[in-house]
Amino acid sequence: MENKFSWYVHGLWILGAVFMFLAAMIAGNIEWVEGTTIWSYWLAILISFALFLIAGVCWISSAANSIKEER
């Protein structure tokens, strides 16, 4: 049971951190410079936003699983 608890809590927490890191890297490098198309700019914003949402879902799932496993 401990191995399952480890994956569902710690694994999702770490996975969320990885998604957050990738989203922050993309969002931090978004710039409108010469040669940037409107499609590439908005695609980078949407990918970054989606990764932030995925990270949040991973962290919420991790918290819910830790509460459920605590009982």
N, C-alpha and C. Protein backbone atom coordinates (compact mmCIF):
# COMPACT_ATOMS: atom_id res chain seq x y z
N MET A 1 0.82 -1.18 0.00
CA MET A 1 0.00 0.00 0.00
C MET A 1 0.87 1.26 0.00
N GLU A 2 2.01 1.22 0.60
CA GLU A 2 2.89 2.38 0.67
C GLU A 2 3.39 2.79 -0.71
N ASN A 3 3.65 1.80 -1.58
CA ASN A 3 4.13 2.11 -2.91
C ASN A 3 3.06 2.86 -3.71
N LYS A 4 1.81 2.41 -3.60
CA LYS A 4 0.71 3.08 -4.29
C LYS A 4 0.53 4.50 -3.74
N PHE A 5 0.61 4.65 -2.44
CA PHE A 5 0.51 5.97 -1.82
C PHE A 5 1.63 6.88 -2.31
N SER A 6 2.81 6.34 -2.43
CA SER A 6 3.96 7.12 -2.88
C SER A 6 3.73 7.66 -4.29
N TRP A 7 3.24 6.81 -5.20
CA TRP A 7 3.05 7.27 -6.56
C TRP A 7 1.93 8.30 -6.65
N TYR A 8 0.81 8.01 -6.02
CA TYR A 8 -0.34 8.90 -6.17
C TYR A 8 -0.12 10.25 -5.51
N VAL A 9 0.67 10.30 -4.50
CA VAL A 9 0.90 11.59 -3.83
C VAL A 9 2.20 12.22 -4.32
N HIS A 10 3.30 11.56 -4.13
CA HIS A 10 4.59 12.14 -4.48
C HIS A 10 4.82 12.20 -5.98
N GLY A 11 4.37 11.19 -6.69
CA GLY A 11 4.55 11.17 -8.14
C GLY A 11 3.77 12.27 -8.83
N LEU A 12 2.52 12.47 -8.43
CA LEU A 12 1.73 13.54 -9.03
C LEU A 12 2.25 14.91 -8.63
N TRP A 13 2.77 15.01 -7.43
CA TRP A 13 3.34 16.29 -6.97
C TRP A 13 4.56 16.65 -7.82
N ILE A 14 5.43 15.67 -8.05
CA ILE A 14 6.63 15.91 -8.87
C ILE A 14 6.26 16.16 -10.32
N LEU A 15 5.30 15.41 -10.84
CA LEU A 15 4.85 15.60 -12.21
C LEU A 15 4.25 17.00 -12.40
N GLY A 16 3.50 17.46 -11.41
CA GLY A 16 2.95 18.82 -11.44
C GLY A 16 4.05 19.87 -11.45
N ALA A 17 5.11 19.61 -10.70
CA ALA A 17 6.24 20.55 -10.67
C ALA A 17 6.94 20.60 -12.02
N VAL A 18 7.04 19.47 -12.69
CA VAL A 18 7.67 19.44 -14.02
C VAL A 18 6.82 20.22 -15.02
N PHE A 19 5.49 20.01 -14.99
CA PHE A 19 4.61 20.76 -15.88
C PHE A 19 4.67 22.25 -15.59
N MET A 20 4.74 22.61 -14.33
CA MET A 20 4.83 24.02 -13.95
C MET A 20 6.14 24.63 -14.45
N PHE A 21 7.21 23.88 -14.35
CA PHE A 21 8.51 24.35 -14.83
C PHE A 21 8.49 24.58 -16.34
N LEU A 22 7.93 23.63 -17.08
CA LEU A 22 7.85 23.78 -18.53
C LEU A 22 6.97 24.96 -18.93
N ALA A 23 5.85 25.12 -18.24
CA ALA A 23 4.95 26.24 -18.54
C ALA A 23 5.63 27.57 -18.24
N ALA A 24 6.35 27.65 -17.15
CA ALA A 24 7.04 28.89 -16.79
C ALA A 24 8.16 29.20 -17.78
N MET A 25 8.85 28.17 -18.27
CA MET A 25 9.90 28.38 -19.26
C MET A 25 9.32 28.94 -20.56
N ILE A 26 8.19 28.39 -20.99
CA ILE A 26 7.55 28.87 -22.22
C ILE A 26 7.02 30.29 -22.01
N ALA A 27 6.30 30.50 -20.90
CA ALA A 27 5.70 31.81 -20.64
C ALA A 27 6.77 32.89 -20.45
N GLY A 28 7.88 32.53 -19.88
CA GLY A 28 8.95 33.50 -19.64
C GLY A 28 9.68 33.92 -20.90
N ASN A 29 9.58 33.11 -21.95
CA ASN A 29 10.30 33.42 -23.18
C ASN A 29 9.40 33.93 -24.30
N ILE A 30 8.14 34.17 -24.00
CA ILE A 30 7.23 34.68 -25.03
C ILE A 30 7.51 36.16 -25.24
N GLU A 31 7.86 36.50 -26.46
CA GLU A 31 8.13 37.89 -26.83
C GLU A 31 7.61 38.13 -28.24
N TRP A 32 7.15 39.33 -28.46
CA TRP A 32 6.75 39.71 -29.81
C TRP A 32 7.94 40.40 -30.45
N VAL A 33 8.67 39.68 -31.29
CA VAL A 33 9.83 40.23 -31.98
C VAL A 33 9.60 40.13 -33.48
N GLU A 34 10.51 40.68 -34.23
CA GLU A 34 10.40 40.63 -35.68
C GLU A 34 10.44 39.18 -36.15
N GLY A 35 9.50 38.81 -36.96
CA GLY A 35 9.44 37.43 -37.46
C GLY A 35 8.46 36.56 -36.71
N THR A 36 7.92 37.06 -35.62
CA THR A 36 6.92 36.29 -34.86
C THR A 36 5.57 36.43 -35.55
N THR A 37 4.95 35.29 -35.77
CA THR A 37 3.61 35.34 -36.35
C THR A 37 2.58 35.35 -35.23
N ILE A 38 1.39 35.81 -35.56
CA ILE A 38 0.32 35.86 -34.56
C ILE A 38 -0.03 34.45 -34.09
N TRP A 39 0.04 33.49 -35.01
CA TRP A 39 -0.31 32.11 -34.67
C TRP A 39 0.71 31.50 -33.71
N SER A 40 1.98 31.72 -33.95
CA SER A 40 2.99 31.14 -33.06
C SER A 40 2.95 31.79 -31.69
N TYR A 41 2.67 33.09 -31.65
CA TYR A 41 2.58 33.80 -30.37
C TYR A 41 1.43 33.25 -29.53
N TRP A 42 0.25 33.17 -30.13
CA TRP A 42 -0.91 32.68 -29.39
C TRP A 42 -0.82 31.19 -29.09
N LEU A 43 -0.17 30.42 -29.95
CA LEU A 43 0.02 28.99 -29.67
C LEU A 43 0.92 28.80 -28.45
N ALA A 44 1.97 29.59 -28.35
CA ALA A 44 2.85 29.51 -27.18
C ALA A 44 2.10 29.89 -25.90
N ILE A 45 1.25 30.91 -25.99
CA ILE A 45 0.46 31.30 -24.82
C ILE A 45 -0.51 30.19 -24.42
N LEU A 46 -1.18 29.59 -25.40
CA LEU A 46 -2.13 28.51 -25.11
C LEU A 46 -1.46 27.26 -24.56
N ILE A 47 -0.31 26.91 -25.10
CA ILE A 47 0.43 25.75 -24.58
C ILE A 47 0.86 26.00 -23.14
N SER A 48 1.37 27.20 -22.89
CA SER A 48 1.79 27.55 -21.54
C SER A 48 0.62 27.50 -20.56
N PHE A 49 -0.51 28.07 -20.96
CA PHE A 49 -1.70 28.06 -20.12
C PHE A 49 -2.18 26.63 -19.84
N ALA A 50 -2.17 25.80 -20.87
CA ALA A 50 -2.59 24.40 -20.70
C ALA A 50 -1.66 23.66 -19.75
N LEU A 51 -0.37 23.92 -19.85
CA LEU A 51 0.57 23.27 -18.93
C LEU A 51 0.39 23.74 -17.49
N PHE A 52 0.08 25.03 -17.30
CA PHE A 52 -0.23 25.52 -15.96
C PHE A 52 -1.47 24.82 -15.40
N LEU A 53 -2.49 24.65 -16.24
CA LEU A 53 -3.70 23.95 -15.79
C LEU A 53 -3.43 22.49 -15.45
N ILE A 54 -2.63 21.82 -16.26
CA ILE A 54 -2.30 20.42 -16.00
C ILE A 54 -1.53 20.29 -14.68
N ALA A 55 -0.61 21.23 -14.44
CA ALA A 55 0.14 21.21 -13.17
C ALA A 55 -0.80 21.39 -11.99
N GLY A 56 -1.75 22.30 -12.11
CA GLY A 56 -2.72 22.50 -11.03
C GLY A 56 -3.57 21.26 -10.78
N VAL A 57 -3.98 20.60 -11.86
CA VAL A 57 -4.77 19.37 -11.70
C VAL A 57 -3.94 18.28 -11.02
N CYS A 58 -2.67 18.17 -11.38
CA CYS A 58 -1.80 17.18 -10.73
C CYS A 58 -1.67 17.46 -9.24
N TRP A 59 -1.49 18.72 -8.87
CA TRP A 59 -1.33 19.07 -7.46
C TRP A 59 -2.63 18.88 -6.69
N ILE A 60 -3.75 19.21 -7.30
CA ILE A 60 -5.04 19.00 -6.63
C ILE A 60 -5.30 17.51 -6.45
N SER A 61 -4.99 16.72 -7.47
CA SER A 61 -5.16 15.27 -7.36
C SER A 61 -4.25 14.68 -6.29
N SER A 62 -3.05 15.20 -6.19
CA SER A 62 -2.12 14.74 -5.16
C SER A 62 -2.66 15.04 -3.76
N ALA A 63 -3.20 16.24 -3.58
CA ALA A 63 -3.76 16.61 -2.28
C ALA A 63 -4.99 15.76 -1.95
N ALA A 64 -5.84 15.53 -2.94
CA ALA A 64 -7.04 14.72 -2.71
C ALA A 64 -6.67 13.27 -2.38
N ASN A 65 -5.66 12.74 -3.08
CA ASN A 65 -5.23 11.37 -2.80
C ASN A 65 -4.58 11.24 -1.43
N SER A 66 -3.84 12.26 -1.00
CA SER A 66 -3.22 12.16 0.32
C SER A 66 -4.27 12.21 1.42
N ILE A 67 -5.34 13.01 1.23
CA ILE A 67 -6.40 13.05 2.23
C ILE A 67 -7.15 11.73 2.26
N LYS A 68 -7.41 11.17 1.06
CA LYS A 68 -8.13 9.90 0.99
C LYS A 68 -7.34 8.75 1.60
N GLU A 69 -6.01 8.74 1.36
CA GLU A 69 -5.15 7.68 1.88
C GLU A 69 -4.88 7.84 3.36
N GLU A 70 -5.06 9.05 3.90
CA GLU A 70 -4.81 9.30 5.31
C GLU A 70 -5.83 8.60 6.20
N ARG A 71 -7.04 8.47 5.69
CA ARG A 71 -8.12 7.87 6.49
C ARG A 71 -7.93 6.43 6.74
